[in-house]
C-alpha cells in the first residue's frame, strides 16, 4: 500500500533556484535571502543582546506584515508566473510578493527611525549611507524575484507598495499610540525579568553606552585599588 502523498511540499525558507552557470542569478539568489538573514540574524541577535523596545516592536511589525501578506495571498490566489514549474514553486501564490513586502517594510521603518533619530547614528552622513544601503537592498531584492522567475513585475510592486504602507502605518502606531506605554512595559514584571528597555529618548545611544561602560570600569578599578 502506497502511503506517500501524490505531491509533496517543500519548506521554501531558503529554497531558491537559479539557472546553472548564471553567476548574476546566483548573486541574486543570495540577495533574495536577505529577509531571512535580517529575521534570524538581525532581530534574534537584537533581542538576545539589546532588548530594545523599539527593535522588538520593529520585529513584531514585520511579523504582522507577513501575516497580512499570507492572508491576502490566500484570499486573492493569484498564480505565480509560468516559470514556477521549473522552480517547484507553483504550490504557493504570488500576489503580493512577500520578499518585496518584507524589504520595503524594513526600509520604510528603518528610514523613519533615522528621521526621528532612533538607534545608533553617527551623524547625517551615516543616515544617508544607511538609507542608501537598505533601500538598495530592497530594490535589488524586488528585482531578484522577477529575474529568478518567482514573481511577475506586478506582484513585486504590489508587495513593495504594501510593505511601505504597512511599515509607515506601524511606525506611527508604535511611536504615537504605544510609545507612552513603554515605561509601563519596562517596569512590568515581565519587562524587568527580560531586561527590556527603551533608549529612544537618548540622542546618542552609542556614546551614552560607551561613556557609561568606561565610567563603570573606572569605578571598578578604583574599588579594587582601595
Protein backbone atom coordinates (compact mmCIF):
# COMPACT_ATOMS: atom_id res chain seq x y z
CA UNK A 1 0.00 0.00 0.00
CA UNK A 2 1.43 3.36 -1.06
CA UNK A 3 1.28 5.73 1.90
CA UNK A 4 3.14 8.56 0.17
CA UNK A 5 1.07 11.57 -0.98
CA UNK A 6 0.84 12.33 -4.66
CA UNK A 7 2.51 15.73 -4.26
CA UNK A 8 4.98 16.90 -1.65
CA UNK A 9 5.50 20.46 -0.49
CA UNK A 10 8.88 21.91 0.43
CA UNK A 11 9.80 24.37 3.15
CA UNK A 12 10.73 27.31 0.94
CA UNK A 13 12.54 29.45 3.52
CA UNK A 14 15.91 29.08 1.77
CA UNK A 15 14.79 27.15 -1.31
CA UNK A 16 15.94 29.49 -4.08
CA UNK A 17 16.80 28.25 -7.58
CA UNK A 18 18.74 29.86 -10.41
CA UNK A 19 19.90 28.80 -13.85
CA UNK A 20 23.15 26.77 -13.88
CA UNK A 21 26.09 28.90 -14.97
CA UNK A 22 24.23 32.16 -14.34
CA UNK A 23 26.56 33.97 -11.94
CA UNK A 24 24.32 37.03 -11.78
CA UNK A 25 21.38 34.78 -10.96
CA UNK A 26 23.49 33.12 -8.27
CA UNK A 27 24.20 36.54 -6.77
CA UNK A 28 20.52 37.49 -6.86
CA UNK A 29 19.59 34.17 -5.26
CA UNK A 30 21.69 35.14 -2.26
CA UNK A 31 20.22 38.64 -2.28
CA UNK A 32 16.71 37.19 -2.15
CA UNK A 33 17.69 35.54 1.14
CA UNK A 34 18.34 38.91 2.80
CA UNK A 35 14.93 38.82 4.60
CA UNK A 36 15.97 35.52 6.18
CA UNK A 37 19.30 36.97 7.32
CA UNK A 38 17.56 40.05 8.74
CA UNK A 39 14.97 37.97 10.58
CA UNK A 40 17.23 35.30 12.04
CA UNK A 41 20.50 37.20 12.28
CA UNK A 42 19.29 40.72 12.96
CA UNK A 43 16.21 40.56 15.16
CA UNK A 44 17.06 37.40 17.06
CA UNK A 45 20.52 38.73 17.96
CA UNK A 46 18.96 42.13 18.76
CA UNK A 47 16.62 40.55 21.28
CA UNK A 48 19.37 38.43 22.82
CA UNK A 49 21.88 41.27 23.22
CA UNK A 50 19.98 44.57 23.06
CA UNK A 51 16.33 44.04 24.10
CA UNK A 52 15.29 47.49 22.97
CA UNK A 53 11.54 48.04 22.82
CA UNK A 54 11.86 49.95 19.55
CA UNK A 55 13.66 46.98 17.96
CA UNK A 56 11.23 44.46 19.46
CA UNK A 57 8.19 46.29 18.09
CA UNK A 58 10.00 46.69 14.77
CA UNK A 59 10.25 42.90 14.61
CA UNK A 60 6.64 42.47 15.73
CA UNK A 61 5.58 44.74 12.86
CA UNK A 62 7.44 42.60 10.34
CA UNK A 63 5.64 39.51 11.65
CA UNK A 64 2.28 41.28 11.39
CA UNK A 65 3.17 42.37 7.85
CA UNK A 66 3.90 38.77 6.86
CA UNK A 67 0.58 37.59 8.30
CA UNK A 68 -1.16 40.28 6.24
CA UNK A 69 0.74 39.08 3.17
CA UNK A 70 -0.32 35.46 3.70
CA UNK A 71 -3.95 36.48 4.26
CA UNK A 72 -4.02 38.48 1.02
CA UNK A 73 -2.25 35.72 -0.93
CA UNK A 74 -4.71 33.04 0.18
CA UNK A 75 -7.64 35.37 -0.47
CA UNK A 76 -6.61 36.55 -3.95
CA UNK A 77 -4.99 33.24 -5.02
CA UNK A 78 -3.08 34.76 -7.93
CA UNK A 79 -0.72 32.25 -9.51
CA UNK A 80 2.99 32.79 -9.91
CA UNK A 81 4.45 33.15 -13.44
CA UNK A 82 4.80 30.05 -15.63
CA UNK A 83 8.44 29.68 -14.58
CA UNK A 84 7.18 28.41 -11.21
CA UNK A 85 7.12 24.89 -12.71
CA UNK A 86 10.90 24.85 -13.09
CA UNK A 87 11.29 26.43 -9.65
CA UNK A 88 8.90 23.96 -8.00
CA UNK A 89 7.02 26.90 -6.52
CA UNK A 90 3.60 26.56 -8.14
CA UNK A 91 2.02 25.26 -4.92
CA UNK A 92 2.09 28.79 -3.43
CA UNK A 93 0.51 32.04 -4.58
CA UNK A 94 2.39 35.04 -5.95
CA UNK A 95 0.43 38.24 -5.24
CA UNK A 96 1.75 40.18 -3.41
CA UNK A 97 5.43 39.23 -3.18
CA UNK A 98 6.32 38.54 0.47
CA UNK A 99 10.04 39.22 -0.13
CA UNK A 100 9.31 42.65 -1.58
CA UNK A 101 6.82 43.43 1.15
CA UNK A 102 9.31 42.43 3.86
CA UNK A 103 12.15 44.51 2.45
CA UNK A 104 10.09 47.63 1.78
CA UNK A 105 8.53 47.44 5.24
CA UNK A 106 12.06 47.18 6.65
CA UNK A 107 13.41 50.05 4.54
CA UNK A 108 10.46 52.33 5.31
CA UNK A 109 10.52 51.67 9.04
CA UNK A 110 14.31 51.97 9.24
CA UNK A 111 14.25 55.28 7.37
CA UNK A 112 11.59 56.68 9.68
CA UNK A 113 13.64 55.62 12.69
CA UNK A 114 16.59 57.50 11.22
CA UNK A 115 14.50 60.62 10.62
CA UNK A 116 13.43 60.54 14.25
CA UNK A 117 16.99 59.88 15.45
CA UNK A 118 16.19 56.47 16.98
CA UNK A 119 19.03 53.98 17.15
CA UNK A 120 22.76 54.12 16.52
CA UNK A 121 23.51 57.15 14.38
CA UNK A 122 26.83 58.86 13.78
CA UNK A 123 25.51 62.00 12.12
CA UNK A 124 23.67 62.99 8.97
CA UNK A 125 26.17 61.31 6.65
CA UNK A 126 25.67 57.91 8.29
CA UNK A 127 21.89 58.25 7.87
CA UNK A 128 22.32 58.79 4.14
CA UNK A 129 24.68 55.81 3.90
CA UNK A 130 22.35 53.52 5.86
CA UNK A 131 19.31 54.66 3.90
CA UNK A 132 21.13 54.07 0.62
CA UNK A 133 22.14 50.59 1.80
CA UNK A 134 18.77 49.26 2.88
CA UNK A 135 16.78 50.90 0.07
CA UNK A 136 19.28 49.45 -2.44
CA UNK A 137 18.83 46.01 -0.88
CA UNK A 138 15.05 46.42 -1.05
CA UNK A 139 15.10 47.32 -4.75
CA UNK A 140 17.60 44.60 -5.68
CA UNK A 141 15.61 42.01 -3.72
CA UNK A 142 12.46 43.05 -5.58
CA UNK A 143 14.29 42.77 -8.90
CA UNK A 144 15.74 39.37 -7.97
CA UNK A 145 12.28 37.85 -7.50
CA UNK A 146 11.36 38.80 -11.06
CA UNK A 147 14.73 37.85 -12.57
CA UNK A 148 14.71 34.43 -10.91
CA UNK A 149 11.14 33.80 -12.10
CA UNK A 150 9.32 33.66 -8.78
CA UNK A 151 7.10 36.69 -9.39
CA UNK A 152 5.76 38.99 -12.06
CA UNK A 153 6.54 42.72 -12.07
CA UNK A 154 3.02 43.47 -10.82
CA UNK A 155 3.41 41.07 -7.91
CA UNK A 156 6.67 42.59 -6.64
CA UNK A 157 5.35 46.15 -6.99
CA UNK A 158 2.24 45.16 -5.07
CA UNK A 159 4.41 43.71 -2.31
CA UNK A 160 6.66 46.78 -2.24
CA UNK A 161 3.71 49.17 -2.02
CA UNK A 162 2.01 47.15 0.70
CA UNK A 163 5.25 46.85 2.65
CA UNK A 164 5.86 50.61 2.55
CA UNK A 165 2.27 51.39 3.61
CA UNK A 166 2.22 48.84 6.43
CA UNK A 167 5.71 49.89 7.55
CA UNK A 168 4.78 53.55 7.74
CA UNK A 169 1.49 52.78 9.47
CA UNK A 170 3.11 50.52 12.04
CA UNK A 171 5.78 53.11 12.79
CA UNK A 172 3.01 55.61 13.55
CA UNK A 173 1.23 53.07 15.80
CA UNK A 174 4.42 52.29 17.73
CA UNK A 175 5.62 55.86 18.18
CA UNK A 176 2.26 57.60 18.63
CA UNK A 177 0.00 55.01 20.27
CA UNK A 178 2.28 52.50 22.01
CA UNK A 179 5.22 54.73 22.94
CA UNK A 180 3.54 56.27 26.03
CA UNK A 181 3.24 52.74 27.42
CA UNK A 182 6.96 51.94 27.06
CA UNK A 183 7.72 52.92 30.70
CA UNK A 184 4.89 50.64 31.85
CA UNK A 185 6.35 47.75 29.83
CA UNK A 186 9.84 48.46 31.21
CA UNK A 187 8.58 48.43 34.80
CA UNK A 188 6.31 45.40 34.40
CA UNK A 189 7.26 42.06 35.96
CA UNK A 190 7.95 40.54 32.54
CA UNK A 191 9.83 43.61 31.34
CA UNK A 192 12.11 43.64 34.36
CA UNK A 193 12.64 39.88 34.13
CA UNK A 194 13.64 40.12 30.45
CA UNK A 195 15.61 43.36 30.93
CA UNK A 196 13.76 45.12 28.12
CA UNK A 197 14.41 48.84 27.85
CA UNK A 198 13.78 51.95 25.79
CA UNK A 199 16.65 54.26 24.86
CA UNK A 200 14.91 56.15 22.05
CA UNK A 201 14.84 59.26 24.24
CA UNK A 202 18.67 59.29 24.36
CA UNK A 203 20.12 61.36 21.47
CA UNK A 204 23.32 59.32 21.02
CA UNK A 205 22.88 55.82 22.41
CA UNK A 206 26.28 54.62 21.29
CA UNK A 207 28.12 57.44 23.09
CA UNK A 208 25.87 57.08 26.13
CA UNK A 209 26.66 53.39 26.49
CA UNK A 210 30.34 53.96 25.75
CA UNK A 211 30.65 56.65 28.44
CA UNK A 212 28.76 54.57 30.99
CA UNK A 213 30.80 51.44 30.26
CA UNK A 214 34.05 53.38 30.74
CA UNK A 215 32.74 55.02 33.92
CA UNK A 216 31.73 51.62 35.33
CA UNK A 217 35.15 50.17 34.55
CA UNK A 218 36.89 53.11 36.22
CA UNK A 219 34.69 52.75 39.29
CA UNK A 220 35.52 49.05 39.40
CA UNK A 221 39.25 49.74 39.09
CA UNK A 222 39.02 52.36 41.84
CA UNK A 223 37.20 49.94 44.12
CA UNK A 224 39.88 47.28 43.59
CA UNK A 225 42.70 49.71 44.34
CA UNK A 226 41.11 50.85 47.65
